[in-house]
Amino acid sequence: MPVTYANRGEPLPPILDRWRLLLLVVVAIVVHVLIIINSAMTARDSIGFVRDAWNYKNPQSSRLVYMKQRPQHPGYPVMVAAVSAFVPGSLPNQEHSQMLRSAQVTSAICGILLVFPVFWIGRAWASSNVGFVAAFFVTVLPVLARDTSDGLSDGPYLLFVCVALAFGVKCLRVLATTNWASAFWCGSSGVSAGLAYLVRPEGLVLPLVGLLVMVVCLVRRVAKPKTVLRDFAFMFLGFVVCAGPYMLLIGKLTNKSAMVEQELTFEPHAGPLLAESIATTQKGVGRIGSAVMACVREVLKTGHYGVAIFGVIGLIVLTQKWRREPKYWFPLMFLVVHSGVIVALAYRSGYVSERHTIPLVAILAIAAACGLKPWQQLWHRVPIAQAFLRWKHWPAVTAIVLVATCLVGLAKPLHENRLGHADAGAALKEELLKLSPIKQDSVVILDHYDWAQYHIGVLPGTRWAQNLYRVPPDPPVEKQRVRFIVLEEKEGEIDSPKFDSPRHQEAVALLRNPKFHWQKLGTYPQSQKSDAYVRVTLYRSESVEP
């Protein structure tokens, strides 16, 4: 006899569930608003996103041509461009700050909405209490909360991924029925997967996961084969309808693929910010092992250690359930496939960052909430643990303790240690305003990170009027009159990152050339609050290159 899973039907969510969701939304709003208000800076990558957003909002040429040329997928910048129409500027002529704030608001809206799919998955896996705890974890985990309040694409991507997984769970719960409900949910999952792909290329993982889940459903015979094939055909159709036009426009799967780019070369711990790096000297099995360990460390950090560990425990204690019941398969298959993708990324590109692990930790947070009570029940067999672990409130207290440990991380200002770049940008603007418009057009700024240069803002009547759209191209050598160099320093020494830094290396080489008579204008921030602050130094030279 084939294994079947009948749909018993579900009543409408009780009023208590609605109040829980309302409480989650309120908490999420408070968390994200406080982080945005407490932001000193946005992430470095946010500048590239807002430049794209400005080109989509007020294009100087064809939007489609621009989209085809850009490496970043258009989903998030288009969302930022739309949200910016409703975000007021804090000061006149501060479009650059207003766009950065719009990017944060866009991510925060998605971070707030994230509580819904996480709650639904947790409720489908176990109960409303589990869904509530899982959504609370995802809301307050410092890395997730801060990244979904930053000018980054993590918020929209994570939202669309979790919505696709929630719809996939719903599809698998009703797959054995004879009506078209499962086809609807599968198609909705495919559309959400397409939206995730439009935000980041990793969205391609979702249709692959759908294919693998379909094979498992056919092998396990959870429904008639024609029903399984029909429903997952709707999933792939939904994905193609949503993502296909962009693929046709660029003529390939993505313009940005770390899996096929030239291997990067940098020493351990000298890669991107907040990333685990792998030494270039490692090859073969040793490099695979280092890639796996780098991913494990990043998952633990992103999961604030406690939630990640309890997530693994939850997966273990729920082994019998997720092996039997299809409702677990879609999220867990995504967990396996995405883990393989980031390990391959670490192996190929030499690093993995916390941003890559966020979807994994969201699923582990659900597993952690599901596993608290079963784990407690397993300890009942141990006499020495019975006195404490038989307490019926133990799972709730554990969840509260895990949430409480996250509060300190939420209170830290966002990117406060990089505040010197904004100060250097303000100093650069003052220096440029001292010059005539003709001389402003001859200025060259070598700024590896582009943080300071972007914070100059817009200078009408000069080539810096295009500063929101793109990095202004350097004028011809014969017209260069003033050079500025922005460099980070650590312990009084010039920092020389080797990751994606040809412009930085050019700046260091020029700074060491005595023919240019460099003048040190200042080091920012001027007040050093802690050793964690990065010192940003601004140099100027009026010498012309010989």
Protein backbone atom coordinates (compact mmCIF):
# COMPACT_ATOMS: atom_id res chain seq x y z
CA MET A 1 0.00 0.00 0.00
CA PRO A 2 1.36 3.44 -0.88
CA VAL A 3 1.92 5.91 1.91
CA THR A 4 -0.70 8.67 1.78
CA TYR A 5 -1.19 11.80 3.84
CA ALA A 6 -4.83 12.82 3.91
CA ASN A 7 -5.79 16.43 4.31
CA ARG A 8 -7.97 16.71 7.37
CA GLY A 9 -8.63 20.39 6.80
CA GLU A 10 -7.63 23.25 9.07
CA PRO A 11 -9.87 25.65 10.95
CA LEU A 12 -9.29 29.34 10.64
CA PRO A 13 -6.52 30.59 12.96
CA PRO A 14 -7.96 31.26 16.42
CA ILE A 15 -8.05 34.82 17.65
CA LEU A 16 -5.06 34.03 19.85
CA ASP A 17 -2.92 33.43 16.76
CA ARG A 18 -3.87 36.85 15.43
CA TRP A 19 -2.85 38.49 18.68
CA ARG A 20 0.44 36.62 18.62
CA LEU A 21 1.09 37.80 15.08
CA LEU A 22 0.20 41.34 16.06
CA LEU A 23 2.63 41.18 18.98
CA LEU A 24 5.36 39.82 16.67
CA VAL A 25 4.78 42.64 14.20
CA VAL A 26 4.94 45.26 16.95
CA VAL A 27 8.17 43.80 18.34
CA ALA A 28 9.66 43.61 14.82
CA ILE A 29 8.73 47.24 14.14
CA VAL A 30 10.32 48.38 17.40
CA VAL A 31 13.51 46.39 16.77
CA HIS A 32 14.00 47.61 13.19
CA VAL A 33 13.08 51.24 13.90
CA LEU A 34 15.52 51.39 16.82
CA ILE A 35 18.31 49.88 14.71
CA ILE A 36 17.70 52.35 11.87
CA ILE A 37 17.60 55.31 14.28
CA ASN A 38 20.77 54.00 15.93
CA SER A 39 22.64 53.59 12.63
CA ALA A 40 25.92 55.44 12.32
CA MET A 41 26.54 54.20 8.77
CA THR A 42 25.12 51.75 6.29
CA ALA A 43 27.12 48.85 4.87
CA ARG A 44 29.61 49.39 2.09
CA ASP A 45 27.52 47.38 -0.40
CA SER A 46 24.53 49.65 0.21
CA ILE A 47 26.17 52.36 -1.89
CA GLY A 48 26.13 50.17 -4.99
CA PHE A 49 22.48 49.29 -4.38
CA VAL A 50 21.36 52.91 -4.00
CA ARG A 51 23.28 53.96 -7.13
CA ASP A 52 21.32 51.29 -9.00
CA ALA A 53 18.10 52.47 -7.35
CA TRP A 54 18.72 56.05 -8.47
CA ASN A 55 19.30 54.87 -12.05
CA TYR A 56 15.98 53.02 -11.98
CA LYS A 57 14.16 55.93 -10.33
CA ASN A 58 15.43 58.76 -12.55
CA PRO A 59 17.13 57.03 -15.48
CA GLN A 60 19.46 58.95 -17.77
CA SER A 61 19.07 56.26 -20.43
CA SER A 62 17.16 53.00 -20.94
CA ARG A 63 16.42 51.16 -17.71
CA LEU A 64 16.59 47.82 -19.51
CA VAL A 65 20.04 48.57 -20.95
CA TYR A 66 21.27 49.60 -17.52
CA MET A 67 19.75 46.47 -15.94
CA LYS A 68 21.45 44.28 -18.53
CA GLN A 69 24.85 45.79 -17.78
CA ARG A 70 24.73 45.68 -14.00
CA PRO A 71 26.05 42.65 -12.05
CA GLN A 72 23.51 43.08 -9.25
CA HIS A 73 20.04 41.64 -9.76
CA PRO A 74 17.44 44.41 -10.03
CA GLY A 75 14.86 43.30 -7.45
CA TYR A 76 16.17 45.12 -4.40
CA PRO A 77 17.22 48.39 -6.12
CA VAL A 78 13.82 48.62 -7.82
CA MET A 79 12.14 48.18 -4.42
CA VAL A 80 14.40 50.89 -2.94
CA ALA A 81 13.51 53.25 -5.80
CA ALA A 82 9.79 52.70 -5.10
CA VAL A 83 10.11 53.13 -1.32
CA SER A 84 12.23 56.29 -1.70
CA ALA A 85 9.16 58.12 -2.99
CA PHE A 86 7.67 57.81 0.52
CA VAL A 87 10.81 58.46 2.60
CA PRO A 88 11.36 62.17 3.27
CA GLY A 89 14.84 63.66 3.25
CA SER A 90 16.16 64.87 6.59
CA LEU A 91 17.92 67.93 5.11
CA PRO A 92 17.73 69.85 1.82
CA ASN A 93 20.17 68.69 -0.88
CA GLN A 94 20.81 65.45 0.98
CA GLU A 95 19.58 63.01 -1.67
CA HIS A 96 22.45 60.62 -0.96
CA SER A 97 21.44 60.25 2.70
CA GLN A 98 17.77 59.97 1.80
CA MET A 99 18.47 57.10 -0.61
CA LEU A 100 20.52 55.25 1.99
CA ARG A 101 17.69 55.63 4.49
CA SER A 102 15.25 54.38 1.84
CA ALA A 103 17.40 51.28 1.38
CA GLN A 104 17.26 50.66 5.13
CA VAL A 105 13.49 51.17 5.26
CA THR A 106 13.00 48.75 2.36
CA SER A 107 15.00 46.06 4.14
CA ALA A 108 13.24 46.76 7.44
CA ILE A 109 9.77 46.39 5.90
CA CYS A 110 10.78 42.97 4.60
CA GLY A 111 12.30 42.10 7.99
CA ILE A 112 9.00 42.96 9.68
CA LEU A 113 6.94 40.93 7.19
CA LEU A 114 9.32 38.00 7.73
CA VAL A 115 7.49 37.09 10.95
CA PHE A 116 4.50 35.82 8.94
CA PRO A 117 6.11 33.00 6.89
CA VAL A 118 8.32 31.94 9.81
CA PHE A 119 5.27 31.79 12.10
CA TRP A 120 3.32 29.79 9.49
CA ILE A 121 6.11 27.26 9.01
CA GLY A 122 6.55 26.82 12.76
CA ARG A 123 2.81 26.37 13.23
CA ALA A 124 2.66 23.84 10.38
CA TRP A 125 5.60 21.91 11.82
CA ALA A 126 4.35 21.81 15.40
CA SER A 127 2.02 24.40 16.90
CA SER A 128 1.22 28.10 17.16
CA ASN A 129 3.47 28.35 20.23
CA VAL A 130 6.38 27.00 18.20
CA GLY A 131 5.63 29.40 15.36
CA PHE A 132 5.57 32.30 17.81
CA VAL A 133 8.91 31.37 19.38
CA ALA A 134 10.53 30.77 15.98
CA ALA A 135 9.40 34.14 14.66
CA PHE A 136 10.61 35.80 17.86
CA PHE A 137 14.05 34.21 17.39
CA VAL A 138 14.27 35.44 13.81
CA THR A 139 13.18 38.93 14.88
CA VAL A 140 15.76 39.43 17.64
CA LEU A 141 18.81 37.50 16.42
CA PRO A 142 21.33 40.38 16.13
CA VAL A 143 22.80 39.43 12.74
CA LEU A 144 19.38 38.90 11.13
CA ALA A 145 17.88 42.02 12.70
CA ARG A 146 20.82 44.24 11.80
CA ASP A 147 21.25 42.94 8.25
CA THR A 148 17.53 43.33 7.59
CA SER A 149 17.77 46.94 8.85
CA ASP A 150 20.79 47.78 6.71
CA GLY A 151 21.02 48.95 3.10
CA LEU A 152 21.41 45.35 1.93
CA SER A 153 19.34 42.88 -0.07
CA ASP A 154 19.20 40.33 2.77
CA GLY A 155 15.76 41.41 4.00
CA PRO A 156 13.89 41.02 0.68
CA TYR A 157 15.77 37.86 -0.22
CA LEU A 158 15.09 36.17 3.12
CA LEU A 159 11.43 37.21 3.02
CA PHE A 160 10.83 35.75 -0.45
CA VAL A 161 12.74 32.56 0.43
CA CYS A 162 10.72 31.98 3.59
CA VAL A 163 7.44 32.74 1.78
CA ALA A 164 8.41 30.22 -0.92
CA LEU A 165 9.20 27.64 1.77
CA ALA A 166 5.94 28.35 3.64
CA PHE A 167 3.94 27.87 0.44
CA GLY A 168 5.94 24.70 -0.25
CA VAL A 169 5.05 23.37 3.20
CA LYS A 170 1.39 24.13 2.58
CA CYS A 171 1.57 22.38 -0.79
CA LEU A 172 3.03 19.21 0.72
CA ARG A 173 0.37 19.15 3.45
CA VAL A 174 -2.46 19.07 0.89
CA LEU A 175 -0.66 17.20 -1.89
CA ALA A 176 -2.67 14.00 -1.44
CA THR A 177 -6.01 15.71 -2.06
CA THR A 178 -7.81 15.47 -5.38
CA ASN A 179 -8.49 19.20 -5.74
CA TRP A 180 -6.24 21.92 -7.17
CA ALA A 181 -5.26 23.51 -3.86
CA SER A 182 -1.79 21.95 -3.87
CA ALA A 183 -1.19 23.20 -7.43
CA PHE A 184 -2.08 26.72 -6.32
CA TRP A 185 0.33 26.61 -3.39
CA CYS A 186 3.09 25.10 -5.54
CA GLY A 187 2.63 27.82 -8.14
CA SER A 188 2.71 30.50 -5.44
CA SER A 189 5.93 28.99 -4.09
CA GLY A 190 7.44 29.19 -7.58
CA VAL A 191 6.48 32.86 -7.95
CA SER A 192 8.06 33.70 -4.60
CA ALA A 193 11.18 31.75 -5.62
CA GLY A 194 11.32 33.87 -8.77
CA LEU A 195 11.12 37.03 -6.70
CA ALA A 196 13.96 35.75 -4.50
CA TYR A 197 16.02 35.16 -7.66
CA LEU A 198 15.34 38.71 -8.86
CA VAL A 199 16.86 39.92 -5.59
CA ARG A 200 19.87 37.57 -5.47
CA PRO A 201 21.12 34.79 -7.77
CA GLU A 202 20.98 32.30 -4.89
CA GLY A 203 17.24 32.21 -5.54
CA LEU A 204 18.07 29.59 -8.17
CA VAL A 205 18.48 27.15 -5.29
CA LEU A 206 14.71 27.09 -4.70
CA PRO A 207 13.62 25.48 -8.02
CA LEU A 208 16.46 22.98 -7.56
CA VAL A 209 15.08 22.17 -4.12
CA GLY A 210 11.63 21.84 -5.65
CA LEU A 211 12.97 19.31 -8.14
CA LEU A 212 14.58 17.24 -5.39
CA VAL A 213 11.45 17.34 -3.24
CA MET A 214 9.40 16.23 -6.24
CA VAL A 215 11.68 13.21 -6.69
CA VAL A 216 11.33 12.33 -2.99
CA CYS A 217 7.55 12.63 -3.23
CA LEU A 218 7.50 10.30 -6.23
CA VAL A 219 9.77 7.76 -4.53
CA ARG A 220 7.80 7.87 -1.26
CA ARG A 221 4.49 7.88 -3.17
CA VAL A 222 2.88 10.56 -1.03
CA ALA A 223 0.33 11.13 -3.80
CA LYS A 224 -0.47 9.98 -7.30
CA PRO A 225 2.46 10.58 -9.67
CA LYS A 226 0.39 12.72 -12.04
CA THR A 227 -0.64 14.94 -9.12
CA VAL A 228 2.96 15.37 -7.99
CA LEU A 229 4.15 16.16 -11.52
CA ARG A 230 1.27 18.56 -12.11
CA ASP A 231 1.84 20.52 -8.91
CA PHE A 232 5.59 20.87 -9.29
CA ALA A 233 5.12 21.82 -12.92
CA PHE A 234 3.11 24.77 -11.57
CA MET A 235 6.02 25.61 -9.27
CA PHE A 236 8.52 25.73 -12.12
CA LEU A 237 6.05 27.65 -14.27
CA GLY A 238 5.62 30.25 -11.53
CA PHE A 239 9.38 30.61 -11.25
CA VAL A 240 9.86 30.97 -15.01
CA VAL A 241 7.06 33.52 -15.37
CA CYS A 242 8.65 35.67 -12.64
CA ALA A 243 12.36 35.19 -13.34
CA GLY A 244 12.34 34.32 -17.05
CA PRO A 245 12.12 37.87 -18.48
CA TYR A 246 15.25 38.94 -16.61
CA MET A 247 17.12 35.81 -17.75
CA LEU A 248 16.13 36.54 -21.35
CA LEU A 249 17.25 40.16 -20.98
CA ILE A 250 20.77 39.29 -19.76
CA GLY A 251 21.04 36.14 -21.88
CA LYS A 252 22.21 33.91 -19.01
CA LEU A 253 21.32 32.86 -15.50
CA THR A 254 23.08 35.75 -13.75
CA ASN A 255 25.56 38.57 -14.29
CA LYS A 256 26.99 37.90 -10.86
CA SER A 257 28.29 34.43 -10.13
CA ALA A 258 30.96 33.86 -7.51
CA MET A 259 31.03 30.20 -8.52
CA VAL A 260 32.54 30.88 -11.96
CA GLU A 261 34.64 33.97 -11.35
CA GLN A 262 38.42 34.01 -11.13
CA GLU A 263 39.63 32.61 -7.83
CA LEU A 264 40.35 35.38 -5.38
CA THR A 265 43.69 35.55 -3.64
CA PHE A 266 43.98 36.92 -0.12
CA GLU A 267 45.47 35.80 3.12
CA PRO A 268 43.41 34.37 6.00
CA HIS A 269 41.30 36.96 7.82
CA ALA A 270 42.05 39.63 5.18
CA GLY A 271 38.93 39.15 3.07
CA PRO A 272 35.64 41.04 3.19
CA LEU A 273 34.36 42.51 6.41
CA LEU A 274 32.63 40.04 8.77
CA ALA A 275 33.74 37.04 6.73
CA GLU A 276 35.60 33.80 7.36
CA SER A 277 38.49 33.46 4.91
CA ILE A 278 40.47 30.50 3.64
CA ALA A 279 44.20 30.62 2.92
CA THR A 280 45.04 30.47 -0.78
CA THR A 281 47.75 27.89 -0.04
CA GLN A 282 45.15 25.26 0.87
CA LYS A 283 44.09 22.86 -1.87
CA GLY A 284 42.11 19.63 -2.24
CA VAL A 285 40.67 17.91 0.81
CA GLY A 286 42.25 20.37 3.23
CA ARG A 287 40.57 23.27 1.46
CA ILE A 288 37.20 21.46 1.55
CA GLY A 289 37.60 20.91 5.29
CA SER A 290 38.49 24.57 5.83
CA ALA A 291 35.47 25.62 3.74
CA VAL A 292 33.16 23.47 5.86
CA MET A 293 34.60 24.78 9.12
CA ALA A 294 34.36 28.38 7.91
CA CYS A 295 30.68 27.83 7.13
CA VAL A 296 30.06 26.19 10.52
CA ARG A 297 31.69 29.14 12.32
CA GLU A 298 29.60 31.64 10.36
CA VAL A 299 26.38 29.72 11.04
CA LEU A 300 27.17 29.66 14.77
CA LYS A 301 27.88 33.40 14.82
CA THR A 302 24.79 34.25 12.79
CA GLY A 303 22.68 32.03 15.05
CA HIS A 304 24.12 33.73 18.11
CA TYR A 305 25.51 30.32 19.06
CA GLY A 306 22.62 29.33 21.33
CA VAL A 307 19.85 29.38 18.71
CA ALA A 308 22.09 27.64 16.14
CA ILE A 309 23.02 24.88 18.61
CA PHE A 310 19.42 24.34 19.69
CA GLY A 311 18.47 24.31 16.01
CA VAL A 312 20.78 21.37 15.40
CA ILE A 313 19.42 19.66 18.52
CA GLY A 314 15.90 20.22 17.19
CA LEU A 315 16.76 18.56 13.88
CA ILE A 316 18.16 15.56 15.73
CA VAL A 317 15.28 15.04 18.18
CA LEU A 318 12.74 15.46 15.36
CA THR A 319 14.45 12.90 13.13
CA GLN A 320 11.58 10.41 13.11
CA LYS A 321 9.03 13.11 12.34
CA TRP A 322 10.81 14.76 9.42
CA ARG A 323 11.63 11.37 7.93
CA ARG A 324 7.94 10.43 7.84
CA GLU A 325 6.04 13.67 7.29
CA PRO A 326 6.28 15.63 4.00
CA LYS A 327 5.62 19.00 5.65
CA TYR A 328 9.25 19.05 6.82
CA TRP A 329 10.84 18.20 3.49
CA PHE A 330 10.88 21.46 1.58
CA PRO A 331 12.61 23.63 4.26
CA LEU A 332 15.01 20.83 5.25
CA MET A 333 15.94 20.09 1.63
CA PHE A 334 16.63 23.80 1.19
CA LEU A 335 18.80 23.66 4.31
CA VAL A 336 20.88 20.83 2.81
CA VAL A 337 21.20 22.30 -0.70
CA HIS A 338 21.96 25.84 0.46
CA SER A 339 24.60 24.49 2.87
CA GLY A 340 26.27 22.77 -0.08
CA VAL A 341 26.13 26.00 -2.08
CA ILE A 342 27.85 28.12 0.56
CA VAL A 343 30.50 25.43 1.16
CA ALA A 344 31.17 25.43 -2.60
CA LEU A 345 31.29 29.24 -2.52
CA ALA A 346 33.79 29.19 0.32
CA TYR A 347 35.90 26.62 -1.51
CA ARG A 348 35.82 28.52 -4.82
CA SER A 349 35.97 32.14 -3.72
CA GLY A 350 37.98 31.71 -0.53
CA TYR A 351 35.50 33.18 1.94
CA VAL A 352 32.01 32.94 3.37
CA SER A 353 30.22 35.74 5.22
CA GLU A 354 27.38 35.83 7.70
CA ARG A 355 25.08 37.14 4.96
CA HIS A 356 25.39 33.81 3.13
CA THR A 357 24.25 31.87 6.20
CA ILE A 358 21.15 33.91 7.09
CA PRO A 359 18.64 31.60 5.32
CA LEU A 360 20.14 28.58 7.07
CA VAL A 361 19.84 30.21 10.47
CA ALA A 362 16.21 31.17 9.83
CA ILE A 363 15.38 27.47 9.33
CA LEU A 364 17.50 26.48 12.33
CA ALA A 365 15.54 29.00 14.42
CA ILE A 366 12.32 27.17 13.50
CA ALA A 367 13.94 23.82 14.29
CA ALA A 368 15.19 25.22 17.61
CA ALA A 369 11.66 26.26 18.60
CA CYS A 370 10.30 22.86 17.53
CA GLY A 371 12.96 20.91 19.42
CA LEU A 372 12.79 22.56 22.85
CA LYS A 373 9.98 20.41 24.24
CA PRO A 374 10.99 17.06 22.61
CA TRP A 375 14.55 17.56 23.86
CA GLN A 376 13.24 18.11 27.36
CA GLN A 377 11.23 14.89 27.10
CA LEU A 378 14.31 12.90 26.10
CA TRP A 379 16.02 13.93 29.34
CA HIS A 380 13.23 12.41 31.42
CA ARG A 381 15.08 9.09 31.16
CA VAL A 382 18.12 10.52 32.98
CA PRO A 383 17.46 10.42 36.75
CA ILE A 384 19.83 13.25 37.62
CA ALA A 385 18.08 15.60 35.16
CA GLN A 386 14.51 14.80 36.07
CA ALA A 387 14.29 17.25 38.96
CA PHE A 388 14.91 20.26 36.73
CA LEU A 389 13.91 19.21 33.23
CA ARG A 390 10.50 17.83 34.29
CA TRP A 391 9.50 21.43 35.05
CA LYS A 392 6.79 22.19 32.48
CA HIS A 393 8.02 25.74 31.94
CA TRP A 394 11.58 24.71 31.06
CA PRO A 395 11.18 25.17 27.24
CA ALA A 396 9.61 28.63 27.69
CA VAL A 397 12.35 29.74 30.08
CA THR A 398 15.01 28.47 27.66
CA ALA A 399 13.45 30.48 24.84
CA ILE A 400 13.34 33.60 27.03
CA VAL A 401 17.01 33.19 27.97
CA LEU A 402 17.99 32.78 24.31
CA VAL A 403 16.07 35.94 23.40
CA ALA A 404 17.58 37.87 26.33
CA THR A 405 21.13 37.06 25.19
CA CYS A 406 20.37 38.81 21.88
CA LEU A 407 19.41 42.18 23.37
CA VAL A 408 22.95 43.46 23.85
CA GLY A 409 23.79 42.85 20.20
CA LEU A 410 20.67 44.73 19.10
CA ALA A 411 21.70 47.80 21.10
CA LYS A 412 24.98 48.35 19.23
CA PRO A 413 24.92 51.21 16.68
CA LEU A 414 25.05 49.96 13.10
CA HIS A 415 28.56 50.26 11.59
CA GLU A 416 29.64 52.79 14.20
CA ASN A 417 33.26 51.66 13.81
CA ARG A 418 33.17 52.85 10.17
CA LEU A 419 31.90 56.34 10.98
CA GLY A 420 35.20 57.86 9.85
CA HIS A 421 34.19 57.39 6.21
CA ALA A 422 31.18 59.70 6.58
CA ASP A 423 33.33 62.28 8.35
CA ALA A 424 35.94 62.04 5.58
CA GLY A 425 33.15 62.55 3.03
CA ALA A 426 32.03 65.74 4.78
CA ALA A 427 35.66 66.97 4.83
CA LEU A 428 36.00 66.17 1.12
CA LYS A 429 32.90 68.20 0.35
CA GLU A 430 34.32 71.19 2.23
CA GLU A 431 37.56 70.91 0.26
CA LEU A 432 35.75 70.70 -3.07
CA LEU A 433 33.55 73.71 -2.30
CA LYS A 434 36.73 75.79 -1.86
CA LEU A 435 37.62 75.14 -5.50
CA SER A 436 36.20 76.68 -8.65
CA PRO A 437 33.82 74.52 -10.72
CA ILE A 438 36.54 74.03 -13.36
CA LYS A 439 38.99 72.84 -10.76
CA GLN A 440 36.34 70.64 -9.13
CA ASP A 441 36.02 68.84 -12.47
CA SER A 442 39.74 68.06 -12.44
CA VAL A 443 39.74 66.49 -8.95
CA VAL A 444 40.62 62.81 -8.61
CA ILE A 445 39.59 60.91 -5.47
CA LEU A 446 41.05 57.49 -4.80
CA ASP A 447 38.70 55.85 -2.32
CA HIS A 448 38.81 52.06 -2.26
CA TYR A 449 35.55 51.62 -0.35
CA ASP A 450 33.60 54.48 -2.03
CA TRP A 451 32.04 55.24 1.35
CA ALA A 452 33.62 58.69 1.76
CA GLN A 453 33.23 59.66 -1.89
CA TYR A 454 29.53 58.82 -1.90
CA HIS A 455 29.00 60.94 1.24
CA ILE A 456 30.18 64.03 -0.63
CA GLY A 457 26.70 64.12 -2.07
CA VAL A 458 25.79 66.11 -5.19
CA LEU A 459 27.64 69.23 -6.36
CA PRO A 460 25.49 70.85 -9.08
CA GLY A 461 27.22 72.26 -12.14
CA THR A 462 30.17 69.86 -11.90
CA ARG A 463 30.82 66.24 -12.75
CA TRP A 464 30.02 65.50 -9.10
CA ALA A 465 26.38 66.20 -9.98
CA GLN A 466 26.34 62.56 -11.13
CA ASN A 467 27.67 61.24 -7.83
CA LEU A 468 24.33 59.55 -7.03
CA TYR A 469 24.30 57.68 -10.33
CA ARG A 470 27.84 56.34 -10.49
CA VAL A 471 31.42 56.92 -9.40
CA PRO A 472 32.48 59.95 -11.49
CA PRO A 473 35.10 58.85 -14.03
CA ASP A 474 38.59 60.28 -13.58
CA PRO A 475 39.44 63.17 -15.91
CA PRO A 476 42.32 62.80 -18.41
CA VAL A 477 45.78 62.93 -16.85
CA GLU A 478 46.60 66.27 -18.45
CA LYS A 479 43.55 67.85 -16.76
CA GLN A 480 44.15 66.43 -13.27
CA ARG A 481 45.01 69.14 -10.77
CA VAL A 482 44.04 67.99 -7.28
CA ARG A 483 44.14 64.48 -5.86
CA PHE A 484 42.59 63.18 -2.67
CA ILE A 485 43.27 59.77 -1.16
CA VAL A 486 41.07 58.12 1.46
CA LEU A 487 42.76 55.28 3.34
CA GLU A 488 41.98 53.22 6.39
CA GLU A 489 44.65 52.88 9.04
CA LYS A 490 45.14 50.29 11.74
CA GLU A 491 47.49 51.00 14.62
CA GLY A 492 48.96 53.92 12.68
CA GLU A 493 49.78 51.80 9.63
CA ILE A 494 48.10 52.01 6.23
CA ASP A 495 45.70 49.12 5.81
CA SER A 496 46.31 47.26 2.54
CA PRO A 497 43.41 44.88 1.85
CA LYS A 498 44.02 42.40 -0.96
CA PHE A 499 40.37 41.63 -1.63
CA ASP A 500 39.05 43.40 -4.74
CA SER A 501 41.37 46.36 -4.24
CA PRO A 502 43.29 47.46 -7.37
CA ARG A 503 42.20 51.06 -6.71
CA HIS A 504 43.45 50.83 -3.14
CA GLN A 505 46.82 49.52 -4.29
CA GLU A 506 47.04 52.39 -6.78
CA ALA A 507 46.35 54.87 -3.96
CA VAL A 508 49.06 53.37 -1.73
CA ALA A 509 51.58 53.50 -4.59
CA LEU A 510 50.80 57.17 -5.26
CA LEU A 511 50.95 58.05 -1.57
CA ARG A 512 54.48 56.65 -1.37
CA ASN A 513 55.60 58.68 -4.40
CA PRO A 514 57.48 61.74 -3.04
CA LYS A 515 56.87 63.74 -6.25
CA PHE A 516 53.30 64.46 -5.21
CA HIS A 517 54.04 66.18 -1.85
CA TRP A 518 51.08 64.74 0.00
CA GLN A 519 49.46 66.75 2.77
CA LYS A 520 47.58 64.99 5.55
CA LEU A 521 44.28 66.83 6.03
CA GLY A 522 42.94 64.83 8.93
CA THR A 523 42.08 61.50 10.48
CA TYR A 524 38.48 60.58 11.20
CA PRO A 525 36.58 60.19 13.42
CA GLN A 526 38.44 62.81 15.38
CA SER A 527 37.36 61.32 18.70
CA GLN A 528 38.33 57.68 19.06
CA LYS A 529 35.73 56.02 21.30
CA SER A 530 37.23 52.54 21.26
CA ASP A 531 39.91 50.39 19.67
CA ALA A 532 37.25 48.90 17.40
CA TYR A 533 37.00 52.14 15.44
CA VAL A 534 38.68 52.20 12.05
CA ARG A 535 40.72 55.35 11.50
CA VAL A 536 40.16 56.95 8.09
CA THR A 537 42.84 59.36 6.89
CA LEU A 538 42.41 61.96 4.15
CA TYR A 539 45.37 63.13 2.05
CA ARG A 540 45.64 65.90 -0.57
CA SER A 541 48.16 66.75 -3.29
CA GLU A 542 48.03 69.50 -5.92
CA SER A 543 50.95 68.14 -7.89
CA VAL A 544 50.35 67.08 -11.50
CA GLU A 545 51.50 63.63 -12.53
CA PRO A 546 54.83 63.97 -14.47
